[in-house]
């Protein structure tokens, strides 16, 4: 099974991926580790796409992030469609804890204070620039797509996956 979790920064992608990984035993890969190099330097598009193609060709995975390659390759796509304000709040809560150090899912030397202006712009632009593409690709799928906007949607997803309980 290949599960792709996408959404805005701060929407809960990494948290959900981690929980689903624990509940299913599937390996979890965060795209932040592929996109970013130490010191918040971006991986080149060519290198990133090559890495994504290698990973997406595998039979079992849970990947969180924003990627056309993974969205196309996934058996199940989960879009965490949360409001801008919720993304801002969650991002600030996360960033506060890692203000001067790297989050565990990031390369070394990626303290949050260095990326904060970029994240704020990303969160603001996401609903108009990224969300429509994700939704269009989801509508083109025959099955295996879930838009999660609230706890009820999450419970439907968990039931679909046959998970008794989220850890």
C-alpha atoms as a PDB file:
ATOM      1  CA  UNK A   1       0.000   0.000   0.000  1.00  0.00           C
ATOM      2  CA  UNK A   2       1.215   3.481  -0.877  1.00  0.00           C
ATOM      3  CA  UNK A   3      -0.306   6.387   1.057  1.00  0.00           C
ATOM      4  CA  UNK A   4       0.385  10.032   0.275  1.00  0.00           C
ATOM      5  CA  UNK A   5      -0.571  12.729   2.785  1.00  0.00           C
ATOM      6  CA  UNK A   6      -0.623  16.273   1.470  1.00  0.00           C
ATOM      7  CA  UNK A   7      -1.737  19.697   2.637  1.00  0.00           C
ATOM      8  CA  UNK A   8      -0.562  23.121   3.686  1.00  0.00           C
ATOM      9  CA  UNK A   9       2.367  23.726   6.021  1.00  0.00           C
ATOM     10  CA  UNK A  10       1.139  23.118   9.558  1.00  0.00           C
ATOM     11  CA  UNK A  11      -1.864  21.045   8.446  1.00  0.00           C
ATOM     12  CA  UNK A  12      -0.691  17.958  10.347  1.00  0.00           C
ATOM     13  CA  UNK A  13       0.842  15.899   7.516  1.00  0.00           C
ATOM     14  CA  UNK A  14       3.876  14.686   9.450  1.00  0.00           C
ATOM     15  CA  UNK A  15       1.877  13.928  12.587  1.00  0.00           C
ATOM     16  CA  UNK A  16      -0.704  11.899  10.667  1.00  0.00           C
ATOM     17  CA  UNK A  17       2.010  10.110   8.664  1.00  0.00           C
ATOM     18  CA  UNK A  18       3.798   9.127  11.861  1.00  0.00           C
ATOM     19  CA  UNK A  19       0.586   7.839  13.456  1.00  0.00           C
ATOM     20  CA  UNK A  20      -0.447   5.895  10.361  1.00  0.00           C
ATOM     21  CA  UNK A  21       3.047   4.460  10.107  1.00  0.00           C
ATOM     22  CA  UNK A  22       2.868   3.217  13.681  1.00  0.00           C
ATOM     23  CA  UNK A  23      -0.614   1.781  13.147  1.00  0.00           C
ATOM     24  CA  UNK A  24       0.130   0.064   9.816  1.00  0.00           C
ATOM     25  CA  UNK A  25       3.827  -0.740  10.028  1.00  0.00           C
ATOM     26  CA  UNK A  26       4.422   0.995   6.695  1.00  0.00           C
ATOM     27  CA  UNK A  27       7.661   2.989   6.294  1.00  0.00           C
ATOM     28  CA  UNK A  28       7.199   6.760   6.604  1.00  0.00           C
ATOM     29  CA  UNK A  29       9.095   9.236   4.448  1.00  0.00           C
ATOM     30  CA  UNK A  30       8.846  12.990   4.891  1.00  0.00           C
ATOM     31  CA  UNK A  31       9.491  15.075   1.795  1.00  0.00           C
ATOM     32  CA  UNK A  32      11.111  17.774   3.943  1.00  0.00           C
ATOM     33  CA  UNK A  33      14.122  15.463   4.205  1.00  0.00           C
ATOM     34  CA  UNK A  34      14.323  15.329   0.388  1.00  0.00           C
ATOM     35  CA  UNK A  35      13.496  18.970  -0.355  1.00  0.00           C
ATOM     36  CA  UNK A  36      15.869  20.522   2.174  1.00  0.00           C
ATOM     37  CA  UNK A  37      19.608  20.213   2.682  1.00  0.00           C
ATOM     38  CA  UNK A  38      21.472  21.396   5.803  1.00  0.00           C
ATOM     39  CA  UNK A  39      21.091  25.130   6.384  1.00  0.00           C
ATOM     40  CA  UNK A  40      17.703  25.293   4.596  1.00  0.00           C
ATOM     41  CA  UNK A  41      19.330  24.956   1.178  1.00  0.00           C
ATOM     42  CA  UNK A  42      16.924  23.527  -1.396  1.00  0.00           C
ATOM     43  CA  UNK A  43      17.741  20.327  -3.209  1.00  0.00           C
ATOM     44  CA  UNK A  44      17.849  20.881  -6.970  1.00  0.00           C
ATOM     45  CA  UNK A  45      14.637  20.034  -8.807  1.00  0.00           C
ATOM     46  CA  UNK A  46      16.379  17.334 -10.839  1.00  0.00           C
ATOM     47  CA  UNK A  47      17.818  15.575  -7.780  1.00  0.00           C
ATOM     48  CA  UNK A  48      14.548  15.883  -5.888  1.00  0.00           C
ATOM     49  CA  UNK A  49      12.496  14.413  -8.735  1.00  0.00           C
ATOM     50  CA  UNK A  50      14.971  11.546  -9.188  1.00  0.00           C
ATOM     51  CA  UNK A  51      14.740  10.701  -5.470  1.00  0.00           C
ATOM     52  CA  UNK A  52      10.942  10.928  -5.569  1.00  0.00           C
ATOM     53  CA  UNK A  53      10.762   8.560  -8.553  1.00  0.00           C
ATOM     54  CA  UNK A  54      12.929   5.961  -6.800  1.00  0.00           C
ATOM     55  CA  UNK A  55      10.847   6.085  -3.615  1.00  0.00           C
ATOM     56  CA  UNK A  56       7.485   6.230  -5.388  1.00  0.00           C
ATOM     57  CA  UNK A  57       8.319   3.067  -7.337  1.00  0.00           C
ATOM     58  CA  UNK A  58       8.478   1.068  -4.111  1.00  0.00           C
ATOM     59  CA  UNK A  59       5.514  -1.079  -3.153  1.00  0.00           C
ATOM     60  CA  UNK A  60       4.941   0.159   0.415  1.00  0.00           C
ATOM     61  CA  UNK A  61       5.206   3.655   1.835  1.00  0.00           C
ATOM     62  CA  UNK A  62       3.585   6.569   3.569  1.00  0.00           C
ATOM     63  CA  UNK A  63       4.882   9.907   2.297  1.00  0.00           C
ATOM     64  CA  UNK A  64       3.953  13.346   3.582  1.00  0.00           C
ATOM     65  CA  UNK A  65       4.446  16.544   1.630  1.00  0.00           C
ATOM     66  CA  UNK A  66       3.391  18.163  -1.622  1.00  0.00           C
ATOM     67  CA  UNK A  67       4.387  16.311  -4.797  1.00  0.00           C
ATOM     68  CA  UNK A  68       2.751  15.467  -8.104  1.00  0.00           C
ATOM     69  CA  UNK A  69       4.917  12.358  -8.390  1.00  0.00           C
ATOM     70  CA  UNK A  70       3.683  10.894  -5.112  1.00  0.00           C
ATOM     71  CA  UNK A  71       0.118  12.035  -5.641  1.00  0.00           C
ATOM     72  CA  UNK A  72       0.084  10.160  -8.954  1.00  0.00           C
ATOM     73  CA  UNK A  73       1.806   7.034  -7.584  1.00  0.00           C
ATOM     74  CA  UNK A  74      -0.223   6.648  -4.378  1.00  0.00           C
ATOM     75  CA  UNK A  75      -2.946   4.077  -3.863  1.00  0.00           C
ATOM     76  CA  UNK A  76      -4.505   6.443  -1.333  1.00  0.00           C
ATOM     77  CA  UNK A  77      -4.210  10.233  -1.272  1.00  0.00           C
ATOM     78  CA  UNK A  78      -5.141  12.058   1.916  1.00  0.00           C
ATOM     79  CA  UNK A  79      -5.534  15.826   1.640  1.00  0.00           C
ATOM     80  CA  UNK A  80      -5.527  17.602   4.996  1.00  0.00           C
ATOM     81  CA  UNK A  81      -7.640  20.552   3.943  1.00  0.00           C
ATOM     82  CA  UNK A  82      -7.453  22.895   6.917  1.00  0.00           C
ATOM     83  CA  UNK A  83      -7.958  26.635   7.112  1.00  0.00           C
ATOM     84  CA  UNK A  84      -5.160  29.130   6.803  1.00  0.00           C
ATOM     85  CA  UNK A  85      -5.661  30.185  10.390  1.00  0.00           C
ATOM     86  CA  UNK A  86      -5.337  26.604  11.652  1.00  0.00           C
ATOM     87  CA  UNK A  87      -2.182  26.145   9.569  1.00  0.00           C
ATOM     88  CA  UNK A  88      -0.718  29.391  10.951  1.00  0.00           C
ATOM     89  CA  UNK A  89      -1.443  28.398  14.552  1.00  0.00           C
ATOM     90  CA  UNK A  90      -0.098  24.853  14.179  1.00  0.00           C
ATOM     91  CA  UNK A  91       2.978  26.110  12.364  1.00  0.00           C
ATOM     92  CA  UNK A  92       3.689  28.654  15.087  1.00  0.00           C
ATOM     93  CA  UNK A  93       3.251  26.014  17.804  1.00  0.00           C
ATOM     94  CA  UNK A  94       5.654  23.678  16.010  1.00  0.00           C
ATOM     95  CA  UNK A  95       8.134  26.422  15.157  1.00  0.00           C
ATOM     96  CA  UNK A  96       8.232  27.704  18.714  1.00  0.00           C
ATOM     97  CA  UNK A  97       9.468  24.317  19.965  1.00  0.00           C
ATOM     98  CA  UNK A  98      12.189  24.149  17.300  1.00  0.00           C
ATOM     99  CA  UNK A  99      12.961  27.855  16.942  1.00  0.00           C
ATOM    100  CA  UNK A 100      16.734  27.403  17.295  1.00  0.00           C
ATOM    101  CA  UNK A 101      17.188  23.774  16.261  1.00  0.00           C
ATOM    102  CA  UNK A 102      16.157  21.375  13.519  1.00  0.00           C
ATOM    103  CA  UNK A 103      12.982  19.338  13.806  1.00  0.00           C
ATOM    104  CA  UNK A 104      13.671  15.586  13.875  1.00  0.00           C
ATOM    105  CA  UNK A 105      12.392  15.175  10.296  1.00  0.00           C
ATOM    106  CA  UNK A 106      14.760  17.828   8.901  1.00  0.00           C
ATOM    107  CA  UNK A 107      18.474  17.796   8.065  1.00  0.00           C
ATOM    108  CA  UNK A 108      20.921  19.418  10.500  1.00  0.00           C
ATOM    109  CA  UNK A 109      21.227  23.192  10.821  1.00  0.00           C
ATOM    110  CA  UNK A 110      17.615  23.978   9.892  1.00  0.00           C
ATOM    111  CA  UNK A 111      16.328  26.049  12.810  1.00  0.00           C
ATOM    112  CA  UNK A 112      12.779  27.298  12.329  1.00  0.00           C
ATOM    113  CA  UNK A 113      13.565  30.984  12.763  1.00  0.00           C
ATOM    114  CA  UNK A 114      15.426  30.931   9.428  1.00  0.00           C
ATOM    115  CA  UNK A 115      12.444  29.573   7.466  1.00  0.00           C
ATOM    116  CA  UNK A 116       9.609  31.418   9.199  1.00  0.00           C
ATOM    117  CA  UNK A 117       9.083  34.185   6.591  1.00  0.00           C
ATOM    118  CA  UNK A 118       9.042  31.563   3.806  1.00  0.00           C
ATOM    119  CA  UNK A 119       6.512  29.411   5.712  1.00  0.00           C
ATOM    120  CA  UNK A 120       4.198  32.341   6.351  1.00  0.00           C
ATOM    121  CA  UNK A 121       4.135  33.172   2.609  1.00  0.00           C
ATOM    122  CA  UNK A 122       3.646  29.506   1.760  1.00  0.00           C
ATOM    123  CA  UNK A 123       0.682  29.164   4.118  1.00  0.00           C
ATOM    124  CA  UNK A 124      -0.883  32.346   2.791  1.00  0.00           C
ATOM    125  CA  UNK A 125      -0.511  31.390  -0.892  1.00  0.00           C
ATOM    126  CA  UNK A 126      -1.438  27.693  -0.537  1.00  0.00           C
ATOM    127  CA  UNK A 127      -5.261  28.010  -0.824  1.00  0.00           C
ATOM    128  CA  UNK A 128      -5.071  29.866  -4.140  1.00  0.00           C
ATOM    129  CA  UNK A 129      -1.896  28.479  -5.693  1.00  0.00           C
ATOM    130  CA  UNK A 130      -1.525  24.855  -4.551  1.00  0.00           C
ATOM    131  CA  UNK A 131      -4.903  23.656  -3.242  1.00  0.00           C
ATOM    132  CA  UNK A 132      -6.700  23.860  -6.635  1.00  0.00           C
ATOM    133  CA  UNK A 133      -4.106  21.585  -8.277  1.00  0.00           C
ATOM    134  CA  UNK A 134      -4.322  19.017  -5.471  1.00  0.00           C
ATOM    135  CA  UNK A 135      -8.122  18.984  -5.664  1.00  0.00           C
ATOM    136  CA  UNK A 136      -8.128  18.701  -9.481  1.00  0.00           C
ATOM    137  CA  UNK A 137      -5.763  15.722  -9.347  1.00  0.00           C
ATOM    138  CA  UNK A 138      -7.911  14.122  -6.652  1.00  0.00           C
ATOM    139  CA  UNK A 139     -11.085  14.549  -8.704  1.00  0.00           C
ATOM    140  CA  UNK A 140      -9.380  12.797 -11.614  1.00  0.00           C
ATOM    141  CA  UNK A 141      -8.803   9.683  -9.481  1.00  0.00           C
ATOM    142  CA  UNK A 142     -11.281   6.823  -9.571  1.00  0.00           C
ATOM    143  CA  UNK A 143     -10.868   5.949  -5.901  1.00  0.00           C
ATOM    144  CA  UNK A 144      -8.554   6.185  -2.938  1.00  0.00           C
ATOM    145  CA  UNK A 145      -8.871   9.865  -2.155  1.00  0.00           C
ATOM    146  CA  UNK A 146      -9.817  11.403   1.164  1.00  0.00           C
ATOM    147  CA  UNK A 147     -10.256  15.051   2.023  1.00  0.00           C
ATOM    148  CA  UNK A 148      -9.870  15.460   5.765  1.00  0.00           C
ATOM    149  CA  UNK A 149     -11.244  18.695   7.187  1.00  0.00           C
ATOM    150  CA  UNK A 150     -12.329  17.553  10.646  1.00  0.00           C
ATOM    151  CA  UNK A 151     -12.371  14.696  13.167  1.00  0.00           C
ATOM    152  CA  UNK A 152     -15.319  12.988  11.447  1.00  0.00           C
ATOM    153  CA  UNK A 153     -13.398  12.825   8.160  1.00  0.00           C
ATOM    154  CA  UNK A 154     -10.407  11.395  10.005  1.00  0.00           C
ATOM    155  CA  UNK A 155     -12.570   8.688  11.598  1.00  0.00           C
ATOM    156  CA  UNK A 156     -13.942   7.726   8.164  1.00  0.00           C
ATOM    157  CA  UNK A 157     -10.383   7.438   6.868  1.00  0.00           C
ATOM    158  CA  UNK A 158      -9.220   5.323   9.809  1.00  0.00           C
ATOM    159  CA  UNK A 159     -12.222   3.006   9.370  1.00  0.00           C
ATOM    160  CA  UNK A 160     -11.486   2.698   5.632  1.00  0.00           C
ATOM    161  CA  UNK A 161      -7.883   1.754   6.386  1.00  0.00           C
ATOM    162  CA  UNK A 162      -9.068  -0.860   8.863  1.00  0.00           C
ATOM    163  CA  UNK A 163      -7.157   0.636  11.738  1.00  0.00           C
ATOM    164  CA  UNK A 164      -8.737  -0.100  15.106  1.00  0.00           C
ATOM    165  CA  UNK A 165      -7.098   2.753  16.884  1.00  0.00           C
ATOM    166  CA  UNK A 166      -4.726   5.580  16.065  1.00  0.00           C
ATOM    167  CA  UNK A 167      -1.737   5.615  18.377  1.00  0.00           C
END
